[in-house]
Each structure stands twice: as structure tokens, then as C-alpha cells.
Amino acid sequence: MNKRACDIIIDSGSSENIISKAMVTKLGLQIGKNHALYKIGWIKRGTEVKVTEVCHIKFSIGKNYADKVTCDVVEMDACHIMLRCP
């Protein structure tokens, strides 16, 4: 995978869950069409990114926290996964 600033960001200011296209490809995750099309401008240097795909992922942090989320799939430089705070 490309070098990123970090692997995961949990952001109280974010309104969406996002996963990088590179991570989806590397892990062989299934993607689907995103029916709520929109653009994001700050996750990739120098360009605005159109969100057209989604991916359902299961993840855990440590031994005590596990969750399932739907993430928008995008090309991004910021990190591999960005999660909004619940």
C-alpha cells in the first residue's frame, strides 16, 4: 500500500466512514455502488474526490472492541480508514 500519514483516523468532525481504495484492493473486499453521490476535497492532495462506491467492513481495535461499518471507497492520501465517532 502507499505510504500514508496513518492507518486509521477516528474523527468526531467527520460525517462519513471512509476506506481507501488501496486498502479495499489489498484486502480483496467487495464493493458496491454508492447511491448518495458526493465529492470530498481534503483527503487527497491537489484534487477533489468523487465518492461512487461503498464497502462493508468488520474491524476490531484491541481485544475488547469489534464493529461493522459501511464505508465510502475513495482514493485518499490522508489514511487507510477514517471513521466518524458514533
N, C-alpha and C. Protein backbone atom coordinates (compact mmCIF):
# COMPACT_ATOMS: atom_id res chain seq x y z
N MET A 1 0.84 -1.18 0.00
CA MET A 1 0.00 0.00 0.00
C MET A 1 0.89 1.24 0.00
N ASN A 2 0.33 2.33 -0.47
CA ASN A 2 1.07 3.59 -0.46
C ASN A 2 1.31 4.04 0.97
N LYS A 3 2.40 4.78 1.17
CA LYS A 3 2.68 5.31 2.49
C LYS A 3 1.68 6.42 2.81
N ARG A 4 1.07 6.36 3.96
CA ARG A 4 0.08 7.33 4.39
C ARG A 4 0.52 7.93 5.72
N ALA A 5 -0.12 9.01 6.11
CA ALA A 5 0.19 9.64 7.39
C ALA A 5 -0.15 8.72 8.56
N CYS A 6 -1.20 7.90 8.42
CA CYS A 6 -1.60 6.96 9.47
C CYS A 6 -2.48 5.89 8.85
N ASP A 7 -2.78 4.86 9.63
CA ASP A 7 -3.64 3.79 9.13
C ASP A 7 -5.10 4.09 9.36
N ILE A 8 -5.45 4.64 10.53
CA ILE A 8 -6.85 4.88 10.87
C ILE A 8 -7.00 6.22 11.58
N ILE A 9 -8.06 6.93 11.25
CA ILE A 9 -8.43 8.18 11.93
C ILE A 9 -9.85 8.00 12.44
N ILE A 10 -10.08 8.27 13.72
CA ILE A 10 -11.44 8.33 14.26
C ILE A 10 -11.69 9.80 14.52
N ASP A 11 -12.59 10.39 13.75
CA ASP A 11 -12.75 11.84 13.68
C ASP A 11 -14.14 12.27 14.12
N SER A 12 -14.20 13.00 15.22
CA SER A 12 -15.50 13.48 15.71
C SER A 12 -16.13 14.49 14.77
N GLY A 13 -15.35 15.10 13.88
CA GLY A 13 -15.89 16.07 12.94
C GLY A 13 -16.34 15.47 11.63
N SER A 14 -16.03 14.19 11.41
CA SER A 14 -16.38 13.54 10.15
C SER A 14 -17.83 13.09 10.17
N SER A 15 -18.49 13.20 9.03
CA SER A 15 -19.88 12.75 8.93
C SER A 15 -20.00 11.46 8.14
N GLU A 16 -18.88 10.91 7.67
CA GLU A 16 -18.88 9.69 6.87
C GLU A 16 -17.78 8.74 7.34
N ASN A 17 -17.97 7.44 7.10
CA ASN A 17 -16.93 6.44 7.25
C ASN A 17 -16.31 6.24 5.88
N ILE A 18 -14.97 6.26 5.80
CA ILE A 18 -14.29 6.22 4.51
C ILE A 18 -13.16 5.19 4.58
N ILE A 19 -12.97 4.42 3.50
CA ILE A 19 -11.86 3.48 3.38
C ILE A 19 -11.15 3.75 2.06
N SER A 20 -9.82 3.63 2.06
CA SER A 20 -9.06 3.89 0.83
C SER A 20 -9.24 2.75 -0.17
N LYS A 21 -9.26 3.12 -1.42
CA LYS A 21 -9.39 2.12 -2.49
C LYS A 21 -8.22 1.14 -2.45
N ALA A 22 -7.03 1.63 -2.06
CA ALA A 22 -5.85 0.77 -1.96
C ALA A 22 -6.07 -0.32 -0.92
N MET A 23 -6.67 0.01 0.21
CA MET A 23 -6.92 -0.99 1.25
C MET A 23 -7.96 -2.00 0.80
N VAL A 24 -9.02 -1.55 0.15
CA VAL A 24 -10.05 -2.45 -0.38
C VAL A 24 -9.44 -3.45 -1.35
N THR A 25 -8.58 -2.96 -2.24
CA THR A 25 -7.92 -3.82 -3.22
C THR A 25 -6.98 -4.80 -2.53
N LYS A 26 -6.14 -4.31 -1.62
CA LYS A 26 -5.17 -5.16 -0.93
C LYS A 26 -5.84 -6.27 -0.14
N LEU A 27 -6.97 -5.98 0.52
CA LEU A 27 -7.67 -6.96 1.34
C LEU A 27 -8.68 -7.79 0.55
N GLY A 28 -8.91 -7.44 -0.72
CA GLY A 28 -9.85 -8.18 -1.55
C GLY A 28 -11.29 -8.03 -1.09
N LEU A 29 -11.65 -6.85 -0.57
CA LEU A 29 -13.00 -6.60 -0.07
C LEU A 29 -13.96 -6.35 -1.23
N GLN A 30 -15.22 -6.70 -1.04
CA GLN A 30 -16.24 -6.46 -2.07
C GLN A 30 -16.73 -5.03 -1.97
N ILE A 31 -17.00 -4.43 -3.13
CA ILE A 31 -17.53 -3.08 -3.17
C ILE A 31 -18.87 -3.07 -3.88
N GLY A 32 -19.66 -2.05 -3.57
CA GLY A 32 -20.95 -1.85 -4.21
C GLY A 32 -21.09 -0.41 -4.64
N LYS A 33 -22.15 -0.10 -5.35
CA LYS A 33 -22.40 1.25 -5.83
C LYS A 33 -22.93 2.13 -4.71
N ASN A 34 -22.44 3.35 -4.63
CA ASN A 34 -22.92 4.34 -3.67
C ASN A 34 -24.03 5.14 -4.34
N HIS A 35 -25.21 5.12 -3.77
CA HIS A 35 -26.34 5.82 -4.38
C HIS A 35 -26.45 7.27 -3.95
N ALA A 36 -25.71 7.68 -2.92
CA ALA A 36 -25.70 9.07 -2.46
C ALA A 36 -24.39 9.71 -2.91
N LEU A 37 -24.28 10.04 -4.19
CA LEU A 37 -23.04 10.57 -4.74
C LEU A 37 -22.72 11.94 -4.17
N TYR A 38 -21.44 12.13 -3.84
CA TYR A 38 -20.96 13.42 -3.37
C TYR A 38 -19.45 13.50 -3.59
N LYS A 39 -18.84 14.66 -3.32
CA LYS A 39 -17.41 14.85 -3.51
C LYS A 39 -16.77 15.26 -2.18
N ILE A 40 -15.50 14.87 -2.01
CA ILE A 40 -14.71 15.25 -0.84
C ILE A 40 -13.45 15.94 -1.36
N GLY A 41 -13.06 17.05 -0.73
CA GLY A 41 -11.93 17.81 -1.25
C GLY A 41 -10.66 17.77 -0.45
N TRP A 42 -10.64 17.22 0.75
CA TRP A 42 -9.44 17.37 1.57
C TRP A 42 -8.70 16.07 1.85
N ILE A 43 -9.15 14.93 1.34
CA ILE A 43 -8.49 13.66 1.68
C ILE A 43 -7.40 13.25 0.70
N LYS A 44 -7.34 13.91 -0.45
CA LYS A 44 -6.29 13.61 -1.44
C LYS A 44 -5.69 14.93 -1.90
N ARG A 45 -4.38 14.98 -1.92
CA ARG A 45 -3.69 16.21 -2.29
C ARG A 45 -4.01 16.65 -3.71
N GLY A 46 -4.35 17.92 -3.85
CA GLY A 46 -4.47 18.53 -5.15
C GLY A 46 -5.72 18.24 -5.95
N THR A 47 -6.66 17.51 -5.39
CA THR A 47 -7.84 17.19 -6.20
C THR A 47 -9.05 16.92 -5.32
N GLU A 48 -10.21 17.05 -5.92
CA GLU A 48 -11.46 16.69 -5.26
C GLU A 48 -11.80 15.26 -5.66
N VAL A 49 -12.30 14.46 -4.73
CA VAL A 49 -12.56 13.05 -4.98
C VAL A 49 -14.07 12.80 -5.02
N LYS A 50 -14.54 12.14 -6.08
CA LYS A 50 -15.95 11.77 -6.21
C LYS A 50 -16.16 10.41 -5.53
N VAL A 51 -17.17 10.33 -4.68
CA VAL A 51 -17.49 9.08 -3.98
C VAL A 51 -18.55 8.33 -4.77
N THR A 52 -18.19 7.14 -5.29
CA THR A 52 -19.11 6.37 -6.13
C THR A 52 -19.31 4.94 -5.65
N GLU A 53 -18.48 4.48 -4.67
CA GLU A 53 -18.54 3.08 -4.23
C GLU A 53 -18.59 2.99 -2.71
N VAL A 54 -19.15 1.88 -2.20
CA VAL A 54 -19.18 1.60 -0.77
C VAL A 54 -18.65 0.20 -0.51
N CYS A 55 -18.23 -0.04 0.74
CA CYS A 55 -17.71 -1.33 1.15
C CYS A 55 -18.15 -1.58 2.59
N HIS A 56 -18.59 -2.79 2.89
CA HIS A 56 -18.99 -3.16 4.25
C HIS A 56 -17.81 -3.88 4.89
N ILE A 57 -17.34 -3.37 6.05
CA ILE A 57 -16.17 -3.97 6.69
C ILE A 57 -16.45 -4.30 8.16
N LYS A 58 -15.76 -5.34 8.63
CA LYS A 58 -15.73 -5.68 10.05
C LYS A 58 -14.32 -5.36 10.52
N PHE A 59 -14.19 -4.77 11.72
CA PHE A 59 -12.87 -4.46 12.24
C PHE A 59 -12.88 -4.56 13.76
N SER A 60 -11.70 -4.63 14.33
CA SER A 60 -11.58 -4.62 15.79
C SER A 60 -10.40 -3.75 16.17
N ILE A 61 -10.50 -3.18 17.37
CA ILE A 61 -9.41 -2.41 17.96
C ILE A 61 -9.12 -3.08 19.30
N GLY A 62 -7.97 -3.69 19.39
CA GLY A 62 -7.65 -4.44 20.60
C GLY A 62 -8.53 -5.68 20.72
N LYS A 63 -8.64 -6.21 21.94
CA LYS A 63 -9.43 -7.42 22.18
C LYS A 63 -10.87 -7.12 22.57
N ASN A 64 -11.16 -5.89 22.94
CA ASN A 64 -12.46 -5.59 23.53
C ASN A 64 -13.43 -4.81 22.65
N TYR A 65 -13.01 -4.39 21.47
CA TYR A 65 -13.91 -3.61 20.63
C TYR A 65 -13.95 -4.19 19.22
N ALA A 66 -15.12 -4.53 18.75
CA ALA A 66 -15.33 -5.00 17.38
C ALA A 66 -16.58 -4.33 16.84
N ASP A 67 -16.59 -4.07 15.53
CA ASP A 67 -17.73 -3.37 14.94
C ASP A 67 -17.84 -3.72 13.46
N LYS A 68 -18.98 -3.38 12.86
CA LYS A 68 -19.22 -3.49 11.43
C LYS A 68 -19.67 -2.11 10.95
N VAL A 69 -19.10 -1.63 9.86
CA VAL A 69 -19.48 -0.33 9.32
C VAL A 69 -19.55 -0.40 7.80
N THR A 70 -20.30 0.52 7.23
CA THR A 70 -20.32 0.74 5.79
C THR A 70 -19.45 1.96 5.52
N CYS A 71 -18.47 1.80 4.66
CA CYS A 71 -17.54 2.89 4.34
C CYS A 71 -17.67 3.27 2.87
N ASP A 72 -17.51 4.56 2.59
CA ASP A 72 -17.37 5.03 1.22
C ASP A 72 -15.95 4.72 0.78
N VAL A 73 -15.78 4.25 -0.46
CA VAL A 73 -14.48 3.87 -1.00
C VAL A 73 -13.96 5.02 -1.85
N VAL A 74 -12.75 5.52 -1.54
CA VAL A 74 -12.17 6.64 -2.28
C VAL A 74 -10.66 6.49 -2.38
N GLU A 75 -10.08 7.17 -3.36
CA GLU A 75 -8.62 7.33 -3.42
C GLU A 75 -8.29 8.42 -2.41
N MET A 76 -7.39 8.12 -1.45
CA MET A 76 -7.03 9.17 -0.49
C MET A 76 -5.61 9.02 0.00
N ASP A 77 -5.03 10.17 0.39
CA ASP A 77 -3.67 10.23 0.94
C ASP A 77 -3.68 10.33 2.46
N ALA A 78 -4.80 10.71 3.05
CA ALA A 78 -4.86 11.01 4.48
C ALA A 78 -4.60 9.78 5.36
N CYS A 79 -5.20 8.64 5.03
CA CYS A 79 -5.06 7.42 5.83
C CYS A 79 -5.68 6.25 5.07
N HIS A 80 -5.74 5.09 5.70
CA HIS A 80 -6.38 3.92 5.07
C HIS A 80 -7.87 3.86 5.41
N ILE A 81 -8.23 4.16 6.67
CA ILE A 81 -9.63 4.15 7.09
C ILE A 81 -9.89 5.39 7.95
N MET A 82 -11.00 6.08 7.70
CA MET A 82 -11.44 7.19 8.53
C MET A 82 -12.83 6.89 9.03
N LEU A 83 -13.01 6.89 10.34
CA LEU A 83 -14.31 6.58 10.94
C LEU A 83 -14.84 7.79 11.69
N ARG A 84 -16.12 8.02 11.54
CA ARG A 84 -16.75 9.08 12.33
C ARG A 84 -16.96 8.55 13.74
N CYS A 85 -16.97 9.42 14.71
CA CYS A 85 -17.27 8.99 16.08
C CYS A 85 -18.76 8.67 16.17
N PRO A 86 -19.11 7.59 16.87
CA PRO A 86 -20.53 7.23 16.98
C PRO A 86 -21.30 8.26 17.79
